[in-house]
Amino acid sequence: MTQHIEDVGVADPELNTSPIADEGDEETEVLRQEMPGEPVCYFNNRRFRTGSYIKTGTVVLKCDYGIWIPAGPADPDNP
């Protein structure tokens, strides 16, 4: 993950943001069935392609076919 990760701030509930799930969470599979193969994720009405990383608050998220998956801490020195 050597690319620049854009800091997008916190999610605004008034704007379109794709679901955020944990990789091991049971609800992740339910979300995947609801969002089958979406090529993009949304965060505050902005589109991000599958495979894109963003920083929001203290976490980095990865777009995974319409669902945001936590990809680690935003500050690797303070996990």
N, C-alpha and C. Protein backbone atom coordinates (compact mmCIF):
# COMPACT_ATOMS: atom_id res chain seq x y z
N MET A 1 0.85 -1.17 0.00
CA MET A 1 0.00 0.00 0.00
C MET A 1 0.89 1.24 0.00
N THR A 2 1.66 1.43 -1.05
CA THR A 2 2.58 2.55 -1.13
C THR A 2 1.94 3.77 -1.78
N GLN A 3 0.74 3.64 -2.28
CA GLN A 3 0.06 4.76 -2.91
C GLN A 3 -0.37 5.79 -1.88
N HIS A 4 -0.64 7.01 -2.35
CA HIS A 4 -1.16 8.06 -1.47
C HIS A 4 -2.58 7.69 -1.07
N ILE A 5 -2.88 7.78 0.21
CA ILE A 5 -4.22 7.48 0.71
C ILE A 5 -4.89 8.80 1.07
N GLU A 6 -5.98 9.10 0.39
CA GLU A 6 -6.69 10.36 0.59
C GLU A 6 -7.46 10.35 1.91
N ASP A 7 -7.32 11.43 2.67
CA ASP A 7 -8.07 11.61 3.92
C ASP A 7 -9.41 12.25 3.55
N VAL A 8 -10.50 11.50 3.71
CA VAL A 8 -11.82 11.97 3.30
C VAL A 8 -12.65 12.51 4.45
N GLY A 9 -12.10 12.52 5.66
CA GLY A 9 -12.85 12.99 6.81
C GLY A 9 -13.83 11.93 7.29
N VAL A 10 -14.80 12.35 8.07
CA VAL A 10 -15.79 11.40 8.60
C VAL A 10 -17.01 11.33 7.68
N ALA A 11 -17.72 10.23 7.76
CA ALA A 11 -18.91 10.05 6.93
C ALA A 11 -20.02 11.01 7.36
N ASP A 12 -20.62 11.67 6.38
CA ASP A 12 -21.76 12.55 6.62
C ASP A 12 -23.02 11.72 6.38
N PRO A 13 -23.87 11.55 7.39
CA PRO A 13 -25.06 10.71 7.22
C PRO A 13 -26.04 11.23 6.18
N GLU A 14 -25.91 12.49 5.79
CA GLU A 14 -26.80 13.07 4.78
C GLU A 14 -26.33 12.72 3.36
N LEU A 15 -25.10 12.22 3.21
CA LEU A 15 -24.54 11.94 1.90
C LEU A 15 -24.45 10.43 1.66
N ASN A 16 -24.35 10.05 0.39
CA ASN A 16 -24.29 8.64 0.01
C ASN A 16 -22.93 8.05 0.38
N THR A 17 -22.94 7.05 1.24
CA THR A 17 -21.73 6.33 1.63
C THR A 17 -22.04 4.84 1.61
N SER A 18 -21.19 4.07 0.93
CA SER A 18 -21.37 2.61 0.87
C SER A 18 -21.21 2.01 2.25
N PRO A 19 -21.79 0.82 2.47
CA PRO A 19 -21.68 0.17 3.78
C PRO A 19 -20.22 -0.09 4.17
N ILE A 20 -19.95 0.00 5.47
CA ILE A 20 -18.63 -0.30 6.02
C ILE A 20 -18.78 -1.55 6.87
N ALA A 21 -17.98 -2.57 6.58
CA ALA A 21 -18.10 -3.85 7.30
C ALA A 21 -16.72 -4.34 7.71
N ASP A 22 -16.71 -5.24 8.68
CA ASP A 22 -15.49 -5.91 9.08
C ASP A 22 -15.33 -7.17 8.25
N GLU A 23 -14.11 -7.49 7.86
CA GLU A 23 -13.84 -8.66 7.01
C GLU A 23 -14.39 -9.95 7.60
N GLY A 24 -14.24 -10.17 8.89
CA GLY A 24 -14.69 -11.41 9.51
C GLY A 24 -16.12 -11.37 10.02
N ASP A 25 -16.80 -10.26 9.88
CA ASP A 25 -18.15 -10.08 10.39
C ASP A 25 -19.15 -10.90 9.58
N GLU A 26 -20.09 -11.56 10.26
CA GLU A 26 -21.12 -12.33 9.57
C GLU A 26 -21.96 -11.45 8.66
N GLU A 27 -22.17 -10.20 9.05
CA GLU A 27 -23.00 -9.31 8.25
C GLU A 27 -22.32 -8.90 6.95
N THR A 28 -21.01 -9.08 6.86
CA THR A 28 -20.30 -8.76 5.62
C THR A 28 -20.85 -9.59 4.47
N GLU A 29 -21.11 -10.87 4.71
CA GLU A 29 -21.65 -11.73 3.66
C GLU A 29 -23.05 -11.30 3.25
N VAL A 30 -23.85 -10.85 4.20
CA VAL A 30 -25.19 -10.33 3.88
C VAL A 30 -25.05 -9.08 3.02
N LEU A 31 -24.13 -8.20 3.39
CA LEU A 31 -23.89 -6.99 2.60
C LEU A 31 -23.44 -7.34 1.18
N ARG A 32 -22.59 -8.33 1.05
CA ARG A 32 -22.10 -8.74 -0.27
C ARG A 32 -23.26 -9.24 -1.15
N GLN A 33 -24.24 -9.88 -0.55
CA GLN A 33 -25.39 -10.34 -1.32
C GLN A 33 -26.25 -9.16 -1.75
N GLU A 34 -26.31 -8.12 -0.91
CA GLU A 34 -27.11 -6.94 -1.23
C GLU A 34 -26.41 -6.05 -2.26
N MET A 35 -25.09 -6.09 -2.30
CA MET A 35 -24.30 -5.22 -3.18
C MET A 35 -23.44 -6.11 -4.09
N PRO A 36 -24.04 -6.97 -4.90
CA PRO A 36 -23.24 -7.94 -5.64
C PRO A 36 -22.39 -7.31 -6.76
N GLY A 37 -21.10 -7.27 -6.52
CA GLY A 37 -20.17 -6.87 -7.57
C GLY A 37 -20.21 -5.43 -8.01
N GLU A 38 -20.61 -4.52 -7.14
CA GLU A 38 -20.59 -3.11 -7.51
C GLU A 38 -19.15 -2.71 -7.85
N PRO A 39 -18.92 -2.00 -8.96
CA PRO A 39 -17.54 -1.66 -9.35
C PRO A 39 -16.95 -0.49 -8.57
N VAL A 40 -17.78 0.19 -7.79
CA VAL A 40 -17.31 1.36 -7.04
C VAL A 40 -17.91 1.37 -5.64
N CYS A 41 -17.26 2.16 -4.77
CA CYS A 41 -17.80 2.46 -3.45
C CYS A 41 -18.03 3.96 -3.40
N TYR A 42 -18.93 4.38 -2.55
CA TYR A 42 -19.17 5.81 -2.35
C TYR A 42 -18.79 6.20 -0.93
N PHE A 43 -18.27 7.41 -0.81
CA PHE A 43 -18.01 7.98 0.51
C PHE A 43 -18.32 9.46 0.40
N ASN A 44 -19.34 9.90 1.13
CA ASN A 44 -19.79 11.30 1.08
C ASN A 44 -20.04 11.76 -0.36
N ASN A 45 -20.77 10.94 -1.11
CA ASN A 45 -21.16 11.21 -2.51
C ASN A 45 -20.01 11.14 -3.50
N ARG A 46 -18.83 10.75 -3.08
CA ARG A 46 -17.68 10.63 -3.99
C ARG A 46 -17.49 9.17 -4.36
N ARG A 47 -17.17 8.92 -5.63
CA ARG A 47 -16.97 7.56 -6.13
C ARG A 47 -15.51 7.16 -6.02
N PHE A 48 -15.29 5.91 -5.61
CA PHE A 48 -13.95 5.34 -5.54
C PHE A 48 -14.00 3.95 -6.17
N ARG A 49 -13.04 3.64 -7.02
CA ARG A 49 -13.00 2.34 -7.70
C ARG A 49 -12.66 1.22 -6.72
N THR A 50 -13.08 0.02 -7.06
CA THR A 50 -12.69 -1.15 -6.28
C THR A 50 -11.17 -1.21 -6.22
N GLY A 51 -10.65 -1.45 -5.01
CA GLY A 51 -9.21 -1.47 -4.79
C GLY A 51 -8.66 -0.17 -4.24
N SER A 52 -9.48 0.89 -4.24
CA SER A 52 -9.04 2.19 -3.71
C SER A 52 -9.01 2.16 -2.19
N TYR A 53 -8.07 2.93 -1.63
CA TYR A 53 -7.97 3.09 -0.18
C TYR A 53 -8.29 4.53 0.18
N ILE A 54 -8.96 4.72 1.32
CA ILE A 54 -9.21 6.05 1.86
C ILE A 54 -8.91 6.03 3.35
N LYS A 55 -8.67 7.21 3.89
CA LYS A 55 -8.49 7.35 5.33
C LYS A 55 -9.69 8.11 5.86
N THR A 56 -10.32 7.57 6.90
CA THR A 56 -11.43 8.25 7.55
C THR A 56 -11.24 8.10 9.05
N GLY A 57 -11.04 9.21 9.71
CA GLY A 57 -10.78 9.17 11.15
C GLY A 57 -9.49 8.44 11.44
N THR A 58 -9.58 7.37 12.23
CA THR A 58 -8.38 6.64 12.64
C THR A 58 -8.19 5.33 11.87
N VAL A 59 -8.93 5.14 10.80
CA VAL A 59 -8.87 3.87 10.07
C VAL A 59 -8.69 4.10 8.57
N VAL A 60 -8.04 3.13 7.92
CA VAL A 60 -7.94 3.10 6.47
C VAL A 60 -8.96 2.08 5.98
N LEU A 61 -9.72 2.45 4.96
CA LEU A 61 -10.72 1.56 4.37
C LEU A 61 -10.34 1.24 2.94
N LYS A 62 -10.67 0.02 2.50
CA LYS A 62 -10.46 -0.40 1.12
C LYS A 62 -11.80 -0.69 0.48
N CYS A 63 -12.00 -0.16 -0.72
CA CYS A 63 -13.22 -0.44 -1.48
C CYS A 63 -13.13 -1.85 -2.04
N ASP A 64 -14.12 -2.67 -1.71
CA ASP A 64 -14.15 -4.06 -2.15
C ASP A 64 -15.52 -4.35 -2.76
N TYR A 65 -15.66 -4.02 -4.03
CA TYR A 65 -16.90 -4.29 -4.77
C TYR A 65 -18.14 -3.76 -4.08
N GLY A 66 -18.13 -2.48 -3.76
CA GLY A 66 -19.31 -1.82 -3.21
C GLY A 66 -19.38 -1.76 -1.70
N ILE A 67 -18.41 -2.36 -1.01
CA ILE A 67 -18.39 -2.38 0.45
C ILE A 67 -17.02 -1.88 0.92
N TRP A 68 -17.01 -1.04 1.93
CA TRP A 68 -15.76 -0.60 2.54
C TRP A 68 -15.33 -1.63 3.58
N ILE A 69 -14.08 -2.09 3.47
CA ILE A 69 -13.51 -3.06 4.40
C ILE A 69 -12.36 -2.39 5.13
N PRO A 70 -12.32 -2.44 6.47
CA PRO A 70 -11.18 -1.88 7.20
C PRO A 70 -9.87 -2.54 6.75
N ALA A 71 -8.86 -1.70 6.47
CA ALA A 71 -7.58 -2.19 5.96
C ALA A 71 -6.44 -1.90 6.91
N GLY A 72 -6.75 -1.37 8.10
CA GLY A 72 -5.71 -1.10 9.07
C GLY A 72 -5.86 0.28 9.68
N PRO A 73 -4.97 0.59 10.62
CA PRO A 73 -5.04 1.90 11.27
C PRO A 73 -4.52 3.00 10.34
N ALA A 74 -5.05 4.20 10.50
CA ALA A 74 -4.61 5.33 9.70
C ALA A 74 -3.21 5.78 10.10
N ASP A 75 -2.84 5.53 11.35
CA ASP A 75 -1.51 5.88 11.85
C ASP A 75 -0.79 4.58 12.21
N PRO A 76 0.06 4.06 11.32
CA PRO A 76 0.70 2.77 11.59
C PRO A 76 1.60 2.78 12.82
N ASP A 77 2.01 3.96 13.28
CA ASP A 77 2.85 4.05 14.47
C ASP A 77 2.03 3.90 15.75
N ASN A 78 0.70 4.08 15.65
CA ASN A 78 -0.20 3.97 16.81
C ASN A 78 -1.39 3.09 16.46
N PRO A 79 -1.18 1.78 16.31
CA PRO A 79 -2.28 0.89 15.88
C PRO A 79 -3.38 0.74 16.91
